[in-house]
Amino acid sequence: MTATTEAPLEPASEKARPSALRNLIEWVVTLVGALVVALLVQAFLFQPFFIPSASMEPTLDIHDRVLVNKLSYRLHEVHRGDIVVFERSDDDPGTIRDLIKRVVAVEGDTIESRGDTLYVNDQPVEEPYRRTSSIGNPVTRRTLSEDQVFVMGDNRTDSTDSRVFGPITEERIVGRAFVKFWPLGDLGFL
């Protein structure tokens, strides 16, 4: 047997070691890149929203948080039953800029209430998500124009919605709420 001797490891040269400045630059570039990606995602794809009022109870409670798909309505039309976030009209007083409500009628639909039942195109609408059987303020019969939707809160007796400010235009819709992510115990799709 021959004995082999291993040469001791030599310390890396100073040039081979990354400098502290280089590490700092790499971290800054990584963090700035992540921030830019996050801002682009929020601006064009998904945005979180906070629920400030009881107008959507029991579906959404005060302080819940939802994620809104901002791309959804570029790919398909608004549907009855969708929960949407939309911008408050400049004429409509209030401090909250974005509102969240359920779409109950879309362009071309005729909507009205009879007693505590909502009718769309003269057909009663099943609304298992409503908080109470009372519809609150009545819905006067109207036919929606092109690009209009009629929105109402699930908590009909505690919601300022299209019964007050009229139908909204689709261009004011920010996106469709599709998941509740807070509180974690209630995580789920809408």
N, C-alpha and C. Protein backbone atom coordinates (compact mmCIF):
# COMPACT_ATOMS: atom_id res chain seq x y z
N MET A 1 0.83 -1.17 0.00
CA MET A 1 0.00 0.00 0.00
C MET A 1 0.87 1.23 0.00
N THR A 2 0.37 2.11 -0.76
CA THR A 2 1.10 3.36 -0.79
C THR A 2 0.31 4.40 -0.03
N ALA A 3 0.99 5.14 0.68
CA ALA A 3 0.33 6.19 1.45
C ALA A 3 0.23 7.43 0.58
N THR A 4 -0.94 7.98 0.60
CA THR A 4 -1.13 9.23 -0.16
C THR A 4 -1.31 10.34 0.84
N THR A 5 -0.76 11.36 0.50
CA THR A 5 -0.92 12.52 1.36
C THR A 5 -1.75 13.55 0.61
N GLU A 6 -2.70 14.03 1.31
CA GLU A 6 -3.54 15.05 0.68
C GLU A 6 -2.97 16.40 1.00
N ALA A 7 -3.03 17.21 -0.02
CA ALA A 7 -2.54 18.56 0.18
C ALA A 7 -3.57 19.34 0.98
N PRO A 8 -3.15 20.14 1.89
CA PRO A 8 -4.11 20.94 2.65
C PRO A 8 -4.83 21.90 1.72
N LEU A 9 -6.08 22.15 2.07
CA LEU A 9 -6.87 23.10 1.26
C LEU A 9 -6.28 24.48 1.44
N GLU A 10 -6.23 25.11 0.29
CA GLU A 10 -5.71 26.47 0.35
C GLU A 10 -6.86 27.44 0.46
N PRO A 11 -6.69 28.49 1.20
CA PRO A 11 -7.76 29.47 1.29
C PRO A 11 -8.02 30.08 -0.07
N ALA A 12 -9.27 30.33 -0.34
CA ALA A 12 -9.63 30.94 -1.63
C ALA A 12 -9.00 32.32 -1.70
N SER A 13 -8.69 32.66 -2.89
CA SER A 13 -8.07 33.98 -3.05
C SER A 13 -9.12 35.04 -2.79
N GLU A 14 -8.67 36.18 -2.51
CA GLU A 14 -9.57 37.28 -2.21
C GLU A 14 -10.47 37.59 -3.40
N LYS A 15 -9.98 37.38 -4.64
CA LYS A 15 -10.78 37.67 -5.83
C LYS A 15 -11.92 36.67 -5.98
N ALA A 16 -11.76 35.46 -5.51
CA ALA A 16 -12.78 34.43 -5.67
C ALA A 16 -13.93 34.61 -4.68
N ARG A 17 -13.69 35.25 -3.58
CA ARG A 17 -14.73 35.48 -2.58
C ARG A 17 -15.64 36.62 -3.03
N PRO A 18 -16.96 36.40 -2.91
CA PRO A 18 -17.83 37.53 -3.25
C PRO A 18 -17.66 38.63 -2.22
N SER A 19 -17.66 39.82 -2.70
CA SER A 19 -17.48 40.94 -1.77
C SER A 19 -18.81 41.26 -1.10
N ALA A 20 -18.73 41.92 0.01
CA ALA A 20 -19.93 42.32 0.74
C ALA A 20 -20.76 43.27 -0.11
N LEU A 21 -20.11 44.13 -0.87
CA LEU A 21 -20.82 45.06 -1.74
C LEU A 21 -21.59 44.32 -2.83
N ARG A 22 -20.97 43.31 -3.40
CA ARG A 22 -21.64 42.52 -4.44
C ARG A 22 -22.86 41.80 -3.85
N ASN A 23 -22.74 41.23 -2.67
CA ASN A 23 -23.87 40.57 -2.01
C ASN A 23 -25.00 41.57 -1.76
N LEU A 24 -24.65 42.74 -1.30
CA LEU A 24 -25.64 43.78 -1.04
C LEU A 24 -26.37 44.16 -2.34
N ILE A 25 -25.64 44.34 -3.40
CA ILE A 25 -26.24 44.70 -4.69
C ILE A 25 -27.18 43.59 -5.17
N GLU A 26 -26.76 42.32 -5.03
CA GLU A 26 -27.62 41.19 -5.45
C GLU A 26 -28.91 41.17 -4.65
N TRP A 27 -28.83 41.42 -3.34
CA TRP A 27 -30.03 41.44 -2.51
C TRP A 27 -30.96 42.59 -2.88
N VAL A 28 -30.39 43.76 -3.11
CA VAL A 28 -31.20 44.92 -3.47
C VAL A 28 -31.90 44.67 -4.80
N VAL A 29 -31.18 44.14 -5.78
CA VAL A 29 -31.79 43.84 -7.09
C VAL A 29 -32.90 42.81 -6.94
N THR A 30 -32.68 41.78 -6.13
CA THR A 30 -33.70 40.75 -5.90
C THR A 30 -34.94 41.34 -5.24
N LEU A 31 -34.74 42.15 -4.21
CA LEU A 31 -35.88 42.76 -3.51
C LEU A 31 -36.64 43.74 -4.40
N VAL A 32 -35.93 44.55 -5.16
CA VAL A 32 -36.59 45.49 -6.07
C VAL A 32 -37.36 44.72 -7.15
N GLY A 33 -36.76 43.66 -7.66
CA GLY A 33 -37.46 42.82 -8.66
C GLY A 33 -38.72 42.21 -8.09
N ALA A 34 -38.66 41.70 -6.87
CA ALA A 34 -39.84 41.11 -6.23
C ALA A 34 -40.91 42.17 -6.01
N LEU A 35 -40.52 43.37 -5.61
CA LEU A 35 -41.47 44.46 -5.40
C LEU A 35 -42.15 44.85 -6.72
N VAL A 36 -41.38 44.94 -7.78
CA VAL A 36 -41.95 45.28 -9.09
C VAL A 36 -42.94 44.21 -9.54
N VAL A 37 -42.60 42.95 -9.37
CA VAL A 37 -43.51 41.86 -9.74
C VAL A 37 -44.79 41.95 -8.90
N ALA A 38 -44.66 42.18 -7.59
CA ALA A 38 -45.84 42.29 -6.71
C ALA A 38 -46.73 43.46 -7.13
N LEU A 39 -46.14 44.59 -7.46
CA LEU A 39 -46.92 45.75 -7.89
C LEU A 39 -47.62 45.49 -9.22
N LEU A 40 -46.95 44.82 -10.14
CA LEU A 40 -47.57 44.48 -11.42
C LEU A 40 -48.73 43.50 -11.23
N VAL A 41 -48.55 42.51 -10.36
CA VAL A 41 -49.62 41.56 -10.08
C VAL A 41 -50.82 42.29 -9.49
N GLN A 42 -50.58 43.19 -8.53
CA GLN A 42 -51.68 43.93 -7.91
C GLN A 42 -52.34 44.88 -8.90
N ALA A 43 -51.57 45.49 -9.77
CA ALA A 43 -52.13 46.46 -10.72
C ALA A 43 -52.95 45.80 -11.81
N PHE A 44 -52.55 44.60 -12.25
CA PHE A 44 -53.19 44.02 -13.42
C PHE A 44 -53.89 42.68 -13.19
N LEU A 45 -53.56 41.94 -12.14
CA LEU A 45 -54.11 40.60 -11.98
C LEU A 45 -54.99 40.44 -10.74
N PHE A 46 -54.40 40.51 -9.56
CA PHE A 46 -55.11 40.25 -8.31
C PHE A 46 -54.85 41.36 -7.32
N GLN A 47 -55.89 41.72 -6.56
CA GLN A 47 -55.73 42.75 -5.54
C GLN A 47 -56.55 42.38 -4.32
N PRO A 48 -55.98 42.51 -3.13
CA PRO A 48 -56.75 42.24 -1.91
C PRO A 48 -57.63 43.44 -1.56
N PHE A 49 -58.80 43.15 -0.98
CA PHE A 49 -59.70 44.19 -0.51
C PHE A 49 -60.21 43.84 0.87
N PHE A 50 -60.46 44.87 1.65
CA PHE A 50 -60.93 44.79 3.03
C PHE A 50 -62.43 45.07 3.03
N ILE A 51 -63.22 44.31 3.79
CA ILE A 51 -64.66 44.51 3.87
C ILE A 51 -64.95 45.45 5.05
N PRO A 52 -65.43 46.69 4.78
CA PRO A 52 -65.61 47.67 5.85
C PRO A 52 -67.01 47.71 6.47
N SER A 53 -67.99 47.04 5.84
CA SER A 53 -69.36 47.18 6.33
C SER A 53 -70.09 45.84 6.35
N ALA A 54 -71.31 45.85 6.88
CA ALA A 54 -72.12 44.64 7.01
C ALA A 54 -73.01 44.40 5.80
N SER A 55 -72.83 45.13 4.72
CA SER A 55 -73.74 45.04 3.58
C SER A 55 -73.72 43.70 2.85
N MET A 56 -72.67 42.92 3.02
CA MET A 56 -72.58 41.63 2.32
C MET A 56 -72.72 40.43 3.27
N GLU A 57 -73.12 40.70 4.52
CA GLU A 57 -73.33 39.58 5.45
C GLU A 57 -74.52 38.76 4.99
N PRO A 58 -74.54 37.48 5.14
CA PRO A 58 -73.59 36.64 5.85
C PRO A 58 -72.44 36.13 4.99
N THR A 59 -72.43 36.45 3.68
CA THR A 59 -71.35 35.96 2.81
C THR A 59 -70.00 36.51 3.23
N LEU A 60 -69.95 37.80 3.48
CA LEU A 60 -68.71 38.47 3.90
C LEU A 60 -69.01 39.32 5.12
N ASP A 61 -68.21 39.14 6.16
CA ASP A 61 -68.39 39.88 7.40
C ASP A 61 -67.46 41.09 7.44
N ILE A 62 -67.76 42.01 8.34
CA ILE A 62 -66.88 43.17 8.55
C ILE A 62 -65.49 42.65 8.90
N HIS A 63 -64.47 43.25 8.31
CA HIS A 63 -63.05 42.95 8.51
C HIS A 63 -62.57 41.73 7.73
N ASP A 64 -63.44 41.04 6.99
CA ASP A 64 -62.96 39.97 6.11
C ASP A 64 -62.09 40.60 5.03
N ARG A 65 -61.28 39.75 4.42
CA ARG A 65 -60.46 40.20 3.29
C ARG A 65 -60.67 39.23 2.14
N VAL A 66 -60.80 39.81 0.94
CA VAL A 66 -61.03 39.01 -0.26
C VAL A 66 -59.97 39.34 -1.29
N LEU A 67 -59.78 38.41 -2.20
CA LEU A 67 -58.88 38.61 -3.33
C LEU A 67 -59.74 38.81 -4.57
N VAL A 68 -59.43 39.84 -5.34
CA VAL A 68 -60.22 40.21 -6.51
C VAL A 68 -59.39 39.95 -7.77
N ASN A 69 -60.02 39.26 -8.73
CA ASN A 69 -59.41 38.98 -10.03
C ASN A 69 -59.72 40.16 -10.95
N LYS A 70 -58.71 40.94 -11.27
CA LYS A 70 -58.90 42.14 -12.09
C LYS A 70 -58.91 41.82 -13.59
N LEU A 71 -58.49 40.63 -13.95
CA LEU A 71 -58.41 40.23 -15.36
C LEU A 71 -59.69 39.55 -15.83
N SER A 72 -60.48 39.07 -14.89
CA SER A 72 -61.65 38.24 -15.17
C SER A 72 -62.56 38.80 -16.26
N TYR A 73 -62.95 40.05 -16.17
CA TYR A 73 -63.93 40.59 -17.10
C TYR A 73 -63.31 41.08 -18.41
N ARG A 74 -62.04 40.90 -18.55
CA ARG A 74 -61.42 41.11 -19.87
C ARG A 74 -61.53 39.81 -20.68
N LEU A 75 -61.78 38.71 -19.96
CA LEU A 75 -61.87 37.40 -20.61
C LEU A 75 -63.30 36.92 -20.83
N HIS A 76 -64.24 37.41 -20.00
CA HIS A 76 -65.64 37.02 -20.16
C HIS A 76 -66.56 38.10 -19.61
N GLU A 77 -67.85 37.95 -19.88
CA GLU A 77 -68.85 38.92 -19.44
C GLU A 77 -69.11 38.80 -17.94
N VAL A 78 -69.71 39.83 -17.39
CA VAL A 78 -70.16 39.81 -16.00
C VAL A 78 -71.37 38.89 -15.94
N HIS A 79 -71.45 38.06 -14.89
CA HIS A 79 -72.56 37.12 -14.73
C HIS A 79 -73.39 37.46 -13.50
N ARG A 80 -74.68 37.15 -13.59
CA ARG A 80 -75.53 37.27 -12.40
C ARG A 80 -74.95 36.37 -11.31
N GLY A 81 -74.94 36.88 -10.09
CA GLY A 81 -74.41 36.11 -8.96
C GLY A 81 -72.96 36.42 -8.64
N ASP A 82 -72.22 37.03 -9.56
CA ASP A 82 -70.83 37.41 -9.28
C ASP A 82 -70.79 38.44 -8.16
N ILE A 83 -69.77 38.34 -7.33
CA ILE A 83 -69.51 39.36 -6.32
C ILE A 83 -68.41 40.24 -6.88
N VAL A 84 -68.71 41.53 -7.04
CA VAL A 84 -67.77 42.43 -7.71
C VAL A 84 -67.38 43.60 -6.81
N VAL A 85 -66.17 44.08 -7.04
CA VAL A 85 -65.69 45.31 -6.42
C VAL A 85 -65.76 46.36 -7.53
N PHE A 86 -66.31 47.52 -7.19
CA PHE A 86 -66.43 48.59 -8.18
C PHE A 86 -66.15 49.93 -7.53
N GLU A 87 -65.81 50.89 -8.37
CA GLU A 87 -65.48 52.23 -7.89
C GLU A 87 -66.77 53.01 -7.66
N ARG A 88 -66.82 53.67 -6.53
CA ARG A 88 -67.95 54.54 -6.20
C ARG A 88 -67.96 55.71 -7.18
N SER A 89 -69.13 56.13 -7.57
CA SER A 89 -69.29 57.28 -8.46
C SER A 89 -68.79 58.54 -7.78
N ASP A 90 -68.24 59.46 -8.55
CA ASP A 90 -67.78 60.73 -7.99
C ASP A 90 -68.94 61.52 -7.40
N ASP A 91 -70.16 61.30 -7.91
CA ASP A 91 -71.35 62.01 -7.41
C ASP A 91 -71.83 61.44 -6.08
N ASP A 92 -71.46 60.19 -5.81
CA ASP A 92 -71.96 59.49 -4.63
C ASP A 92 -71.09 59.84 -3.43
N PRO A 93 -71.68 60.49 -2.41
CA PRO A 93 -70.87 60.86 -1.24
C PRO A 93 -70.46 59.63 -0.44
N GLY A 94 -69.34 59.72 0.18
CA GLY A 94 -68.86 58.63 1.02
C GLY A 94 -67.36 58.59 1.02
N THR A 95 -66.80 58.07 2.08
CA THR A 95 -65.35 58.04 2.20
C THR A 95 -64.74 56.78 1.61
N ILE A 96 -65.53 55.72 1.50
CA ILE A 96 -65.01 54.46 0.95
C ILE A 96 -65.07 54.54 -0.57
N ARG A 97 -63.93 54.40 -1.24
CA ARG A 97 -63.86 54.55 -2.70
C ARG A 97 -64.34 53.30 -3.44
N ASP A 98 -64.04 52.13 -2.92
CA ASP A 98 -64.40 50.88 -3.60
C ASP A 98 -65.48 50.17 -2.80
N LEU A 99 -66.52 49.72 -3.49
CA LEU A 99 -67.62 49.01 -2.86
C LEU A 99 -67.65 47.57 -3.37
N ILE A 100 -68.26 46.68 -2.58
CA ILE A 100 -68.39 45.29 -2.99
C ILE A 100 -69.85 44.90 -2.86
N LYS A 101 -70.40 44.32 -3.93
CA LYS A 101 -71.81 43.92 -3.97
C LYS A 101 -71.94 42.70 -4.91
N ARG A 102 -73.15 42.12 -4.89
CA ARG A 102 -73.45 40.99 -5.76
C ARG A 102 -74.21 41.50 -6.99
N VAL A 103 -73.84 41.00 -8.17
CA VAL A 103 -74.54 41.34 -9.40
C VAL A 103 -75.84 40.52 -9.42
N VAL A 104 -76.99 41.22 -9.52
CA VAL A 104 -78.28 40.52 -9.55
C VAL A 104 -78.93 40.61 -10.93
N ALA A 105 -78.47 41.54 -11.78
CA ALA A 105 -79.00 41.65 -13.14
C ALA A 105 -77.92 42.26 -14.03
N VAL A 106 -77.93 41.86 -15.30
CA VAL A 106 -76.94 42.34 -16.26
C VAL A 106 -77.65 43.03 -17.42
N GLU A 107 -76.87 43.58 -18.34
CA GLU A 107 -77.45 44.35 -19.44
C GLU A 107 -78.56 43.58 -20.16
N GLY A 108 -79.64 44.31 -20.44
CA GLY A 108 -80.77 43.71 -21.12
C GLY A 108 -81.80 43.08 -20.19
N ASP A 109 -81.42 42.82 -18.94
CA ASP A 109 -82.36 42.23 -17.97
C ASP A 109 -83.36 43.27 -17.50
N THR A 110 -84.58 42.79 -17.20
CA THR A 110 -85.59 43.62 -16.54
C THR A 110 -85.67 43.14 -15.11
N ILE A 111 -85.54 44.07 -14.17
CA ILE A 111 -85.48 43.71 -12.75
C ILE A 111 -86.54 44.48 -11.98
N GLU A 112 -87.10 43.84 -10.96
CA GLU A 112 -88.04 44.48 -10.05
C GLU A 112 -88.21 43.59 -8.84
N SER A 113 -88.79 44.16 -7.79
CA SER A 113 -89.15 43.34 -6.63
C SER A 113 -90.66 43.37 -6.50
N ARG A 114 -91.19 42.24 -6.03
CA ARG A 114 -92.61 42.13 -5.70
C ARG A 114 -92.64 41.56 -4.29
N GLY A 115 -93.07 42.39 -3.37
CA GLY A 115 -93.00 41.97 -1.97
C GLY A 115 -91.52 41.83 -1.61
N ASP A 116 -91.16 40.69 -1.03
CA ASP A 116 -89.76 40.44 -0.66
C ASP A 116 -89.05 39.51 -1.64
N THR A 117 -89.58 39.40 -2.85
CA THR A 117 -88.98 38.55 -3.87
C THR A 117 -88.44 39.40 -5.00
N LEU A 118 -87.23 39.10 -5.43
CA LEU A 118 -86.59 39.78 -6.54
C LEU A 118 -86.94 39.01 -7.82
N TYR A 119 -87.30 39.74 -8.86
CA TYR A 119 -87.62 39.14 -10.16
C TYR A 119 -86.68 39.69 -11.21
N VAL A 120 -86.12 38.78 -12.02
CA VAL A 120 -85.30 39.17 -13.16
C VAL A 120 -85.96 38.52 -14.38
N ASN A 121 -86.31 39.36 -15.34
CA ASN A 121 -87.01 38.91 -16.55
C ASN A 121 -88.29 38.15 -16.19
N ASP A 122 -89.00 38.70 -15.21
CA ASP A 122 -90.28 38.17 -14.72
C ASP A 122 -90.18 36.78 -14.09
N GLN A 123 -88.98 36.36 -13.72
CA GLN A 123 -88.77 35.08 -13.04
C GLN A 123 -88.25 35.35 -11.63
N PRO A 124 -88.84 34.69 -10.62
CA PRO A 124 -88.33 34.89 -9.25
C PRO A 124 -86.91 34.35 -9.14
N VAL A 125 -86.09 35.07 -8.39
CA VAL A 125 -84.68 34.69 -8.22
C VAL A 125 -84.51 34.01 -6.87
N GLU A 126 -83.91 32.83 -6.88
CA GLU A 126 -83.57 32.15 -5.62
C GLU A 126 -82.30 32.81 -5.08
N GLU A 127 -82.36 33.23 -3.83
CA GLU A 127 -81.22 33.93 -3.24
C GLU A 127 -80.88 33.34 -1.88
N PRO A 128 -80.27 32.17 -1.84
CA PRO A 128 -79.95 31.53 -0.56
C PRO A 128 -78.91 32.29 0.25
N TYR A 129 -78.20 33.21 -0.36
CA TYR A 129 -77.14 33.97 0.30
C TYR A 129 -77.68 35.17 1.07
N ARG A 130 -78.96 35.52 0.91
CA ARG A 130 -79.51 36.69 1.60
C ARG A 130 -79.51 36.50 3.10
N ARG A 131 -79.25 37.57 3.81
CA ARG A 131 -79.19 37.52 5.27
C ARG A 131 -80.58 37.34 5.87
N THR A 132 -81.56 38.06 5.34
CA THR A 132 -82.93 37.98 5.84
C THR A 132 -83.87 37.79 4.67
N SER A 133 -85.10 37.42 4.97
CA SER A 133 -86.08 37.27 3.90
C SER A 133 -86.58 38.62 3.41
N SER A 134 -86.37 39.68 4.20
CA SER A 134 -86.81 41.02 3.81
C SER A 134 -85.89 41.57 2.72
N ILE A 135 -86.49 42.17 1.72
CA ILE A 135 -85.68 42.77 0.65
C ILE A 135 -85.31 44.21 0.98
N GLY A 136 -85.92 44.77 2.04
CA GLY A 136 -85.62 46.16 2.39
C GLY A 136 -86.27 47.08 1.38
N ASN A 137 -85.53 48.08 0.92
CA ASN A 137 -86.07 49.01 -0.08
C ASN A 137 -86.47 48.25 -1.34
N PRO A 138 -87.63 48.56 -1.90
CA PRO A 138 -88.07 47.84 -3.10
C PRO A 138 -87.24 48.20 -4.33
N VAL A 139 -87.30 47.34 -5.33
CA VAL A 139 -86.63 47.57 -6.61
C VAL A 139 -87.72 47.93 -7.61
N THR A 140 -87.67 49.15 -8.10
CA THR A 140 -88.63 49.61 -9.10
C THR A 140 -88.29 48.97 -10.45
N ARG A 141 -89.31 48.53 -11.16
CA ARG A 141 -89.10 47.85 -12.45
C ARG A 141 -88.30 48.73 -13.40
N ARG A 142 -87.27 48.12 -13.98
CA ARG A 142 -86.42 48.81 -14.96
C ARG A 142 -85.70 47.79 -15.82
N THR A 143 -85.38 48.19 -17.03
CA THR A 143 -84.60 47.35 -17.93
C THR A 143 -83.23 47.98 -18.05
N LEU A 144 -82.20 47.15 -17.88
CA LEU A 144 -80.83 47.67 -17.89
C LEU A 144 -80.34 47.90 -19.31
N SER A 145 -79.65 49.01 -19.49
CA SER A 145 -79.07 49.37 -20.79
C SER A 145 -77.78 48.60 -21.02
N GLU A 146 -77.23 48.79 -22.19
CA GLU A 146 -75.97 48.15 -22.55
C GLU A 146 -74.88 48.55 -21.56
N ASP A 147 -74.07 47.57 -21.15
CA ASP A 147 -72.94 47.77 -20.23
C ASP A 147 -73.36 48.19 -18.83
N GLN A 148 -74.60 47.94 -18.43
CA GLN A 148 -75.03 48.22 -17.07
C GLN A 148 -75.26 46.92 -16.31
N VAL A 149 -74.99 46.98 -15.01
CA VAL A 149 -75.32 45.87 -14.11
C VAL A 149 -76.01 46.46 -12.88
N PHE A 150 -76.88 45.65 -12.26
CA PHE A 150 -77.59 46.05 -11.06
C PHE A 150 -76.98 45.25 -9.93
N VAL A 151 -76.49 45.94 -8.89
CA VAL A 151 -75.80 45.29 -7.78
C VAL A 151 -76.54 45.52 -6.48
N MET A 152 -76.53 44.50 -5.62
CA MET A 152 -77.17 44.61 -4.31
C MET A 152 -76.32 43.88 -3.29
N GLY A 153 -76.37 44.35 -2.04
CA GLY A 153 -75.70 43.65 -0.96
C GLY A 153 -76.53 42.45 -0.54
N ASP A 154 -75.88 41.41 -0.02
CA ASP A 154 -76.61 40.23 0.47
C ASP A 154 -77.43 40.56 1.71
N ASN A 155 -77.01 41.55 2.45
CA ASN A 155 -77.73 42.01 3.64
C ASN A 155 -78.63 43.17 3.18
N ARG A 156 -79.72 42.83 2.54
CA ARG A 156 -80.56 43.81 1.83
C ARG A 156 -81.07 44.94 2.71
N THR A 157 -81.27 44.69 3.99
CA THR A 157 -81.80 45.74 4.86
C THR A 157 -80.70 46.69 5.36
N ASP A 158 -79.43 46.38 5.08
CA ASP A 158 -78.31 47.22 5.53
C ASP A 158 -77.32 47.41 4.39
N SER A 159 -77.83 47.75 3.20
CA SER A 159 -76.95 47.91 2.05
C SER A 159 -77.36 49.10 1.21
N THR A 160 -76.40 49.96 0.93
CA THR A 160 -76.60 51.03 -0.03
C THR A 160 -76.10 50.47 -1.36
N ASP A 161 -77.01 50.32 -2.30
CA ASP A 161 -76.66 49.63 -3.55
C ASP A 161 -77.42 50.25 -4.72
N SER A 162 -77.61 49.50 -5.80
CA SER A 162 -78.25 50.04 -7.00
C SER A 162 -79.68 50.52 -6.76
N ARG A 163 -80.29 50.10 -5.67
CA ARG A 163 -81.61 50.64 -5.34
C ARG A 163 -81.51 52.12 -5.00
N VAL A 164 -80.34 52.54 -4.53
CA VAL A 164 -80.11 53.94 -4.13
C VAL A 164 -79.42 54.71 -5.25
N PHE A 165 -78.29 54.18 -5.76
CA PHE A 165 -77.49 54.93 -6.73
C PHE A 165 -77.70 54.47 -8.17
N GLY A 166 -78.60 53.52 -8.39
CA GLY A 166 -78.90 53.07 -9.75
C GLY A 166 -77.90 52.04 -10.25
N PRO A 167 -78.14 51.54 -11.46
CA PRO A 167 -77.22 50.56 -12.04
C PRO A 167 -75.83 51.17 -12.21
N ILE A 168 -74.82 50.32 -12.23
CA ILE A 168 -73.46 50.81 -12.47
C ILE A 168 -73.03 50.36 -13.87
N THR A 169 -72.08 51.08 -14.43
CA THR A 169 -71.54 50.67 -15.73
C THR A 169 -70.42 49.66 -15.50
N GLU A 170 -70.28 48.77 -16.46
CA GLU A 170 -69.24 47.73 -16.34
C GLU A 170 -67.85 48.32 -16.25
N GLU A 171 -67.63 49.50 -16.82
CA GLU A 171 -66.30 50.11 -16.78
C GLU A 171 -65.88 50.49 -15.37
N ARG A 172 -66.83 50.64 -14.44
CA ARG A 172 -66.49 50.97 -13.05
C ARG A 172 -66.11 49.74 -12.24
N ILE A 173 -66.31 48.55 -12.80
CA ILE A 173 -65.99 47.32 -12.07
C ILE A 173 -64.47 47.12 -12.05
N VAL A 174 -63.92 46.96 -10.85
CA VAL A 174 -62.49 46.70 -10.67
C VAL A 174 -62.21 45.24 -10.98
N GLY A 175 -63.08 44.34 -10.50
CA GLY A 175 -62.88 42.92 -10.74
C GLY A 175 -63.85 42.07 -9.94
N ARG A 176 -63.70 40.76 -10.06
CA ARG A 176 -64.58 39.80 -9.40
C ARG A 176 -63.88 39.23 -8.17
N ALA A 177 -64.56 39.34 -7.02
CA ALA A 177 -64.04 38.73 -5.79
C ALA A 177 -64.22 37.22 -5.93
N PHE A 178 -63.14 36.47 -5.75
CA PHE A 178 -63.25 35.03 -5.97
C PHE A 178 -62.80 34.17 -4.78
N VAL A 179 -62.12 34.77 -3.82
CA VAL A 179 -61.70 34.00 -2.66
C VAL A 179 -61.67 34.89 -1.42
N LYS A 180 -62.13 34.33 -0.31
CA LYS A 180 -61.99 35.01 0.98
C LYS A 180 -60.77 34.39 1.63
N PHE A 181 -59.77 35.23 1.97
CA PHE A 181 -58.53 34.69 2.53
C PHE A 181 -58.31 35.08 3.98
N TRP A 182 -59.19 35.91 4.55
CA TRP A 182 -59.05 36.27 5.95
C TRP A 182 -60.43 36.45 6.54
N PRO A 183 -60.69 35.91 7.69
CA PRO A 183 -59.80 35.14 8.56
C PRO A 183 -59.51 33.76 7.98
N LEU A 184 -58.35 33.23 8.35
CA LEU A 184 -57.88 31.96 7.79
C LEU A 184 -58.86 30.82 7.99
N GLY A 185 -59.60 30.84 9.09
CA GLY A 185 -60.56 29.77 9.36
C GLY A 185 -61.71 29.76 8.37
N ASP A 186 -61.94 30.88 7.67
CA ASP A 186 -63.01 30.97 6.69
C ASP A 186 -62.48 30.98 5.27
N LEU A 187 -61.23 30.61 5.08
CA LEU A 187 -60.61 30.60 3.76
C LEU A 187 -61.46 29.78 2.80
N GLY A 188 -61.76 30.34 1.65
CA GLY A 188 -62.54 29.59 0.67
C GLY A 188 -62.95 30.44 -0.51
N PHE A 189 -63.41 29.75 -1.56
CA PHE A 189 -63.86 30.42 -2.78
C PHE A 189 -65.25 30.99 -2.57
N LEU A 190 -65.51 32.10 -3.26
CA LEU A 190 -66.83 32.75 -3.19
C LEU A 190 -67.68 32.32 -4.37
